[in-house]
């Protein structure tokens, strides 16, 4: 199992993983390419026995703001005050291997090293228990209701202090 920096050459595999893991949350290929271009330090690619098995997309962002699903950001905010996890996706063969725990630990260390006071995300696909296990808590955010509903009815904004 190897998490490594995501490269441009990995994008077709990332897009295919996203289509398989998140079929109800489609995003244009340009979204993946933009996240890599805007903040390469926040992108990781998982290989297991040389096979594409997962990815992570994350970047600095503003607390209590959530990019809409399938939206280009244009740029990252200079006044970022949270580390935002855009997407963590694992193929079935990667689940239960410790890969998720390893990358979550890396995400949290990265955000702290940047001096960001929180890490935040939108939990979908029934992943609230997973994120809760890693110290994230769902936050009631009425101002985010419309954006969260663009993901799914059960989407939850979750935060972990640094």
Protein backbone atom coordinates (compact mmCIF):
# COMPACT_ATOMS: atom_id res chain seq x y z
CA UNK A 1 0.00 0.00 0.00
CA UNK A 2 1.46 3.35 -1.02
CA UNK A 3 0.03 6.85 -0.73
CA UNK A 4 2.02 9.17 -2.98
CA UNK A 5 1.63 12.64 -4.51
CA UNK A 6 -0.98 12.74 -7.26
CA UNK A 7 0.33 13.54 -10.73
CA UNK A 8 -1.30 14.70 -13.94
CA UNK A 9 -0.79 11.19 -15.34
CA UNK A 10 -2.94 9.79 -12.50
CA UNK A 11 -6.01 11.89 -13.34
CA UNK A 12 -7.68 9.32 -15.64
CA UNK A 13 -7.46 6.72 -12.86
CA UNK A 14 -8.77 9.23 -10.29
CA UNK A 15 -11.72 10.08 -12.53
CA UNK A 16 -12.52 6.39 -12.97
CA UNK A 17 -12.31 5.75 -9.21
CA UNK A 18 -14.64 8.70 -8.60
CA UNK A 19 -17.15 7.35 -11.10
CA UNK A 20 -17.16 3.97 -9.37
CA UNK A 21 -17.05 5.13 -5.74
CA UNK A 22 -19.24 8.24 -6.03
CA UNK A 23 -21.70 7.56 -8.88
CA UNK A 24 -24.29 9.83 -7.25
CA UNK A 25 -21.85 12.76 -6.99
CA UNK A 26 -20.52 13.26 -10.52
CA UNK A 27 -17.92 15.92 -11.12
CA UNK A 28 -16.43 17.10 -14.38
CA UNK A 29 -12.88 16.04 -15.20
CA UNK A 30 -11.89 19.71 -14.94
CA UNK A 31 -12.70 19.73 -11.20
CA UNK A 32 -10.10 17.05 -10.51
CA UNK A 33 -7.50 18.74 -12.71
CA UNK A 34 -8.13 22.12 -11.06
CA UNK A 35 -7.75 20.75 -7.51
CA UNK A 36 -4.40 19.24 -8.50
CA UNK A 37 -3.27 22.47 -10.19
CA UNK A 38 -4.41 24.77 -7.36
CA UNK A 39 -2.98 22.79 -4.46
CA UNK A 40 -0.82 19.81 -5.41
CA UNK A 41 0.30 19.40 -1.77
CA UNK A 42 -3.26 18.43 -0.91
CA UNK A 43 -3.59 15.65 -3.45
CA UNK A 44 -2.59 12.04 -2.90
CA UNK A 45 -2.94 8.83 -4.90
CA UNK A 46 -3.20 5.33 -3.44
CA UNK A 47 -1.73 2.28 -5.11
CA UNK A 48 -2.02 -1.25 -3.80
CA UNK A 49 0.20 -3.75 -5.56
CA UNK A 50 0.62 -1.22 -8.37
CA UNK A 51 -3.14 -0.86 -8.90
CA UNK A 52 -4.94 2.49 -8.58
CA UNK A 53 -6.98 2.13 -5.40
CA UNK A 54 -7.88 5.57 -4.09
CA UNK A 55 -7.23 9.29 -3.97
CA UNK A 56 -7.46 12.35 -1.77
CA UNK A 57 -8.23 15.93 -2.83
CA UNK A 58 -7.89 18.65 -0.18
CA UNK A 59 -6.93 22.30 0.12
CA UNK A 60 -7.03 25.38 2.35
CA UNK A 61 -10.45 27.03 2.41
CA UNK A 62 -12.74 29.27 4.46
CA UNK A 63 -14.45 27.89 7.56
CA UNK A 64 -18.23 27.43 7.26
CA UNK A 65 -18.06 27.65 3.47
CA UNK A 66 -18.46 24.65 1.23
CA UNK A 67 -17.72 24.61 -2.49
CA UNK A 68 -20.80 23.43 -4.38
CA UNK A 69 -20.58 19.98 -5.91
CA UNK A 70 -18.95 19.95 -9.36
CA UNK A 71 -17.73 23.54 -9.10
CA UNK A 72 -14.44 25.07 -10.15
CA UNK A 73 -12.83 27.21 -7.45
CA UNK A 74 -10.82 29.57 -9.66
CA UNK A 75 -8.34 30.19 -6.85
CA UNK A 76 -7.74 29.44 -3.19
CA UNK A 77 -8.53 32.13 -0.62
CA UNK A 78 -5.55 34.04 0.78
CA UNK A 79 -7.41 34.22 4.10
CA UNK A 80 -8.06 30.47 4.42
CA UNK A 81 -8.90 29.42 7.96
CA UNK A 82 -9.70 25.71 7.57
CA UNK A 83 -8.16 22.76 5.78
CA UNK A 84 -10.92 21.38 3.55
CA UNK A 85 -11.17 17.75 2.49
CA UNK A 86 -12.85 17.81 -0.91
CA UNK A 87 -12.83 14.06 -1.45
CA UNK A 88 -11.39 10.85 -0.08
CA UNK A 89 -12.29 7.86 -2.22
CA UNK A 90 -11.16 4.25 -1.83
CA UNK A 91 -11.89 1.31 -4.04
CA UNK A 92 -13.38 -1.69 -2.20
CA UNK A 93 -10.04 -3.55 -2.15
CA UNK A 94 -8.47 -0.64 -0.20
CA UNK A 95 -11.10 -0.59 2.53
CA UNK A 96 -10.07 -2.21 5.79
CA UNK A 97 -6.36 -1.97 4.94
CA UNK A 98 -5.57 1.03 7.14
CA UNK A 99 -5.19 3.25 4.07
CA UNK A 100 -7.99 5.59 5.16
CA UNK A 101 -6.62 6.04 8.69
CA UNK A 102 -3.16 6.71 7.28
CA UNK A 103 -4.31 9.45 4.95
CA UNK A 104 -6.62 11.04 7.54
CA UNK A 105 -3.64 11.32 9.88
CA UNK A 106 -1.65 12.91 7.07
CA UNK A 107 -4.47 15.37 6.30
CA UNK A 108 -4.67 16.47 9.92
CA UNK A 109 -0.89 16.90 10.25
CA UNK A 110 -0.81 18.91 7.02
CA UNK A 111 -3.52 21.31 8.16
CA UNK A 112 -1.84 21.83 11.54
CA UNK A 113 1.53 22.45 9.86
CA UNK A 114 -0.11 25.19 7.79
CA UNK A 115 -1.40 26.78 10.98
CA UNK A 116 -5.06 26.19 10.13
CA UNK A 117 -7.24 25.87 13.24
CA UNK A 118 -9.67 23.29 11.82
CA UNK A 119 -10.11 20.61 9.19
CA UNK A 120 -13.56 20.47 7.61
CA UNK A 121 -15.46 18.41 5.05
CA UNK A 122 -18.86 17.33 3.79
CA UNK A 123 -19.61 13.73 4.73
CA UNK A 124 -21.62 11.79 2.14
CA UNK A 125 -22.36 8.17 1.30
CA UNK A 126 -23.01 7.28 4.93
CA UNK A 127 -19.46 8.26 5.94
CA UNK A 128 -20.42 10.25 9.06
CA UNK A 129 -19.45 7.34 11.39
CA UNK A 130 -16.05 7.00 9.71
CA UNK A 131 -15.26 10.70 10.13
CA UNK A 132 -16.69 10.71 13.66
CA UNK A 133 -14.27 7.91 14.57
CA UNK A 134 -11.44 10.23 13.47
CA UNK A 135 -12.60 13.08 15.70
CA UNK A 136 -14.80 15.03 13.30
CA UNK A 137 -18.16 16.30 14.53
CA UNK A 138 -21.21 17.32 12.54
CA UNK A 139 -21.93 21.04 12.85
CA UNK A 140 -25.38 22.51 12.37
CA UNK A 141 -24.94 25.15 9.71
CA UNK A 142 -28.23 26.62 8.46
CA UNK A 143 -26.36 28.88 6.03
CA UNK A 144 -24.96 25.77 4.31
CA UNK A 145 -28.26 23.90 3.90
CA UNK A 146 -28.70 24.68 0.19
CA UNK A 147 -25.14 23.74 -0.67
CA UNK A 148 -25.26 20.56 1.41
CA UNK A 149 -28.52 19.50 -0.21
CA UNK A 150 -26.79 19.76 -3.61
CA UNK A 151 -24.75 16.75 -2.44
CA UNK A 152 -27.54 14.66 -0.85
CA UNK A 153 -30.18 14.97 1.87
CA UNK A 154 -27.99 13.20 4.42
CA UNK A 155 -24.83 15.26 3.69
CA UNK A 156 -23.30 16.69 6.86
CA UNK A 157 -20.77 19.48 7.38
CA UNK A 158 -18.13 18.10 9.76
CA UNK A 159 -15.22 19.78 11.56
CA UNK A 160 -12.25 18.71 13.64
CA UNK A 161 -10.18 21.25 15.59
CA UNK A 162 -6.45 21.16 14.88
